[in-house]
Each structure stands twice: as C-alpha cells, then as structure tokens.
Amino acid sequence: MLAFGDDWFPNWADGVLERADALRDRADRHIGISVMGLHADPGEIEQCLKAGCRRVVHWIPSGNRSVVERGLERWEAAIAEVTGEG
C-alpha cells in the first residue's frame, strides 16, 4: 500500500486510528486517512478529526424518503454537535 497509495480508506473499527498512526510512521510521505462506516456519533467524528482524518463517511439507510431523511438528520446533528453549527 505504501508504495502505491496516497490515502488510506479503512472501515471504522476499534483500533483503526492507532493503525493509521502506525501507517503514517512507516510512510516516507504524507498519507491521508479517510474513514468509512462511522456511526452518527459525535464522539467518533471528533476522534477522527483529532487523528487528522481528511474525511469520514457514514452509510445512510436505504428505504423510503422518511427513513433516508431520519438517517441524514442524525448524521447532520452529529456533525453540528462537533462543529458547533446548527
């Protein structure tokens, strides 16, 4: 991975941010981190921000409009709590 990639895009799991630090320590250049699969949880988003993640991705549930809108609203509220916006 280090020979070819400029960004690591792992799934969210326990220890992933520590693994990101270890990867960055081994790299001879900047390696960006983007994490997918976070919950709509301000604490998880904050951890990723503090770890220097470039972006985080949250899966929005499939379903009718009301299901999708509730998923988006939870994600929006979690982001607003972290950023102080909203």
C-alpha atoms as a PDB file:
ATOM      1  CA  MET A   1       0.000   0.000   0.000  1.00  0.00           C
ATOM      2  CA  LEU A   2       2.706   2.479   0.891  1.00  0.00           C
ATOM      3  CA  ALA A   3       4.383   2.027  -2.490  1.00  0.00           C
ATOM      4  CA  PHE A   4       1.248   2.973  -4.439  1.00  0.00           C
ATOM      5  CA  GLY A   5      -1.326   4.884  -2.406  1.00  0.00           C
ATOM      6  CA  ASP A   6      -1.598   8.415  -1.101  1.00  0.00           C
ATOM      7  CA  ASP A   7      -4.651   7.850   1.074  1.00  0.00           C
ATOM      8  CA  TRP A   8      -5.921   5.024   3.268  1.00  0.00           C
ATOM      9  CA  PHE A   9      -9.692   4.420   3.340  1.00  0.00           C
ATOM     10  CA  PRO A  10     -10.399   1.839   6.077  1.00  0.00           C
ATOM     11  CA  ASN A  11     -13.676   0.806   7.628  1.00  0.00           C
ATOM     12  CA  TRP A  12     -14.331   2.201  11.098  1.00  0.00           C
ATOM     13  CA  ALA A  13     -13.391  -0.306  13.786  1.00  0.00           C
ATOM     14  CA  ASP A  14     -11.686  -0.407  17.158  1.00  0.00           C
ATOM     15  CA  GLY A  15      -8.012   0.405  16.724  1.00  0.00           C
ATOM     16  CA  VAL A  16      -8.255   1.853  13.219  1.00  0.00           C
ATOM     17  CA  LEU A  17      -6.888   5.253  14.279  1.00  0.00           C
ATOM     18  CA  GLU A  18      -3.921   3.624  16.014  1.00  0.00           C
ATOM     19  CA  ARG A  19      -3.278   1.641  12.831  1.00  0.00           C
ATOM     20  CA  ALA A  20      -3.421   4.929  10.903  1.00  0.00           C
ATOM     21  CA  ASP A  21      -0.716   6.376  13.163  1.00  0.00           C
ATOM     22  CA  ALA A  22       1.471   3.308  12.592  1.00  0.00           C
ATOM     23  CA  LEU A  23       0.968   3.580   8.837  1.00  0.00           C
ATOM     24  CA  ARG A  24       1.926   7.252   8.847  1.00  0.00           C
ATOM     25  CA  ASP A  25       5.027   6.461  10.915  1.00  0.00           C
ATOM     26  CA  ARG A  26       6.193   3.974   8.259  1.00  0.00           C
ATOM     27  CA  ALA A  27       5.493   6.233   5.274  1.00  0.00           C
ATOM     28  CA  ASP A  28       8.128   8.395   3.628  1.00  0.00           C
ATOM     29  CA  ARG A  29       5.461  10.970   2.664  1.00  0.00           C
ATOM     30  CA  HIS A  30       2.104  12.253   3.870  1.00  0.00           C
ATOM     31  CA  ILE A  31      -0.633   9.607   3.846  1.00  0.00           C
ATOM     32  CA  GLY A  32      -4.169  10.920   4.152  1.00  0.00           C
ATOM     33  CA  ILE A  33      -6.772   8.986   6.098  1.00  0.00           C
ATOM     34  CA  SER A  34     -10.453   8.799   5.185  1.00  0.00           C
ATOM     35  CA  VAL A  35     -12.614   6.525   7.345  1.00  0.00           C
ATOM     36  CA  MET A  36     -15.900   4.978   6.259  1.00  0.00           C
ATOM     37  CA  GLY A  37     -18.686   3.384   8.206  1.00  0.00           C
ATOM     38  CA  LEU A  38     -18.806   5.711  11.203  1.00  0.00           C
ATOM     39  CA  HIS A  39     -21.992   5.855  13.208  1.00  0.00           C
ATOM     40  CA  ALA A  40     -23.884   9.122  13.576  1.00  0.00           C
ATOM     41  CA  ASP A  41     -21.859   9.653  16.749  1.00  0.00           C
ATOM     42  CA  PRO A  42     -20.195  12.970  17.575  1.00  0.00           C
ATOM     43  CA  GLY A  43     -17.549  11.146  19.630  1.00  0.00           C
ATOM     44  CA  GLU A  44     -16.432   9.037  16.684  1.00  0.00           C
ATOM     45  CA  ILE A  45     -16.335  12.072  14.398  1.00  0.00           C
ATOM     46  CA  GLU A  46     -14.300  14.000  16.984  1.00  0.00           C
ATOM     47  CA  GLN A  47     -11.807  11.125  17.314  1.00  0.00           C
ATOM     48  CA  CYS A  48     -11.284  11.142  13.560  1.00  0.00           C
ATOM     49  CA  LEU A  49     -10.805  14.904  13.465  1.00  0.00           C
ATOM     50  CA  LYS A  50      -8.221  14.747  16.251  1.00  0.00           C
ATOM     51  CA  ALA A  51      -6.424  11.939  14.393  1.00  0.00           C
ATOM     52  CA  GLY A  52      -6.154  14.112  11.278  1.00  0.00           C
ATOM     53  CA  CYS A  53      -8.608  12.271   9.053  1.00  0.00           C
ATOM     54  CA  ARG A  54      -9.350  14.051   5.788  1.00  0.00           C
ATOM     55  CA  ARG A  55     -12.930  12.838   5.650  1.00  0.00           C
ATOM     56  CA  VAL A  56     -15.361  10.450   7.268  1.00  0.00           C
ATOM     57  CA  VAL A  57     -18.189   8.566   5.597  1.00  0.00           C
ATOM     58  CA  HIS A  58     -21.482   7.459   7.114  1.00  0.00           C
ATOM     59  CA  TRP A  59     -23.825   4.985   5.447  1.00  0.00           C
ATOM     60  CA  ILE A  60     -27.343   6.341   5.081  1.00  0.00           C
ATOM     61  CA  PRO A  61     -30.000   3.634   5.407  1.00  0.00           C
ATOM     62  CA  SER A  62     -31.921   2.541   2.328  1.00  0.00           C
ATOM     63  CA  GLY A  63     -35.638   2.914   2.419  1.00  0.00           C
ATOM     64  CA  ASN A  64     -38.421   5.312   1.701  1.00  0.00           C
ATOM     65  CA  ARG A  65     -37.993   9.047   1.993  1.00  0.00           C
ATOM     66  CA  SER A  66     -38.749   9.210   5.717  1.00  0.00           C
ATOM     67  CA  VAL A  67     -36.148   6.524   6.522  1.00  0.00           C
ATOM     68  CA  VAL A  68     -33.463   8.272   4.490  1.00  0.00           C
ATOM     69  CA  GLU A  69     -34.330  11.696   5.900  1.00  0.00           C
ATOM     70  CA  ARG A  70     -34.088  10.400   9.505  1.00  0.00           C
ATOM     71  CA  GLY A  71     -30.662   8.944   8.697  1.00  0.00           C
ATOM     72  CA  LEU A  72     -29.497  12.231   7.195  1.00  0.00           C
ATOM     73  CA  GLU A  73     -30.876  14.202  10.140  1.00  0.00           C
ATOM     74  CA  ARG A  74     -28.983  12.038  12.663  1.00  0.00           C
ATOM     75  CA  TRP A  75     -25.762  12.478  10.685  1.00  0.00           C
ATOM     76  CA  GLU A  76     -26.331  16.225  10.346  1.00  0.00           C
ATOM     77  CA  ALA A  77     -26.972  16.550  14.096  1.00  0.00           C
ATOM     78  CA  ALA A  78     -23.773  14.635  14.939  1.00  0.00           C
ATOM     79  CA  ILE A  79     -21.713  16.874  12.652  1.00  0.00           C
ATOM     80  CA  ALA A  80     -23.358  20.013  14.065  1.00  0.00           C
ATOM     81  CA  GLU A  81     -22.518  18.902  17.616  1.00  0.00           C
ATOM     82  CA  VAL A  82     -18.856  18.527  16.699  1.00  0.00           C
ATOM     83  CA  THR A  83     -18.562  21.731  14.678  1.00  0.00           C
ATOM     84  CA  GLY A  84     -20.803  23.860  16.898  1.00  0.00           C
ATOM     85  CA  GLU A  85     -23.005  24.721  13.907  1.00  0.00           C
ATOM     86  CA  GLY A  86     -26.726  24.258  13.683  1.00  0.00           C
END
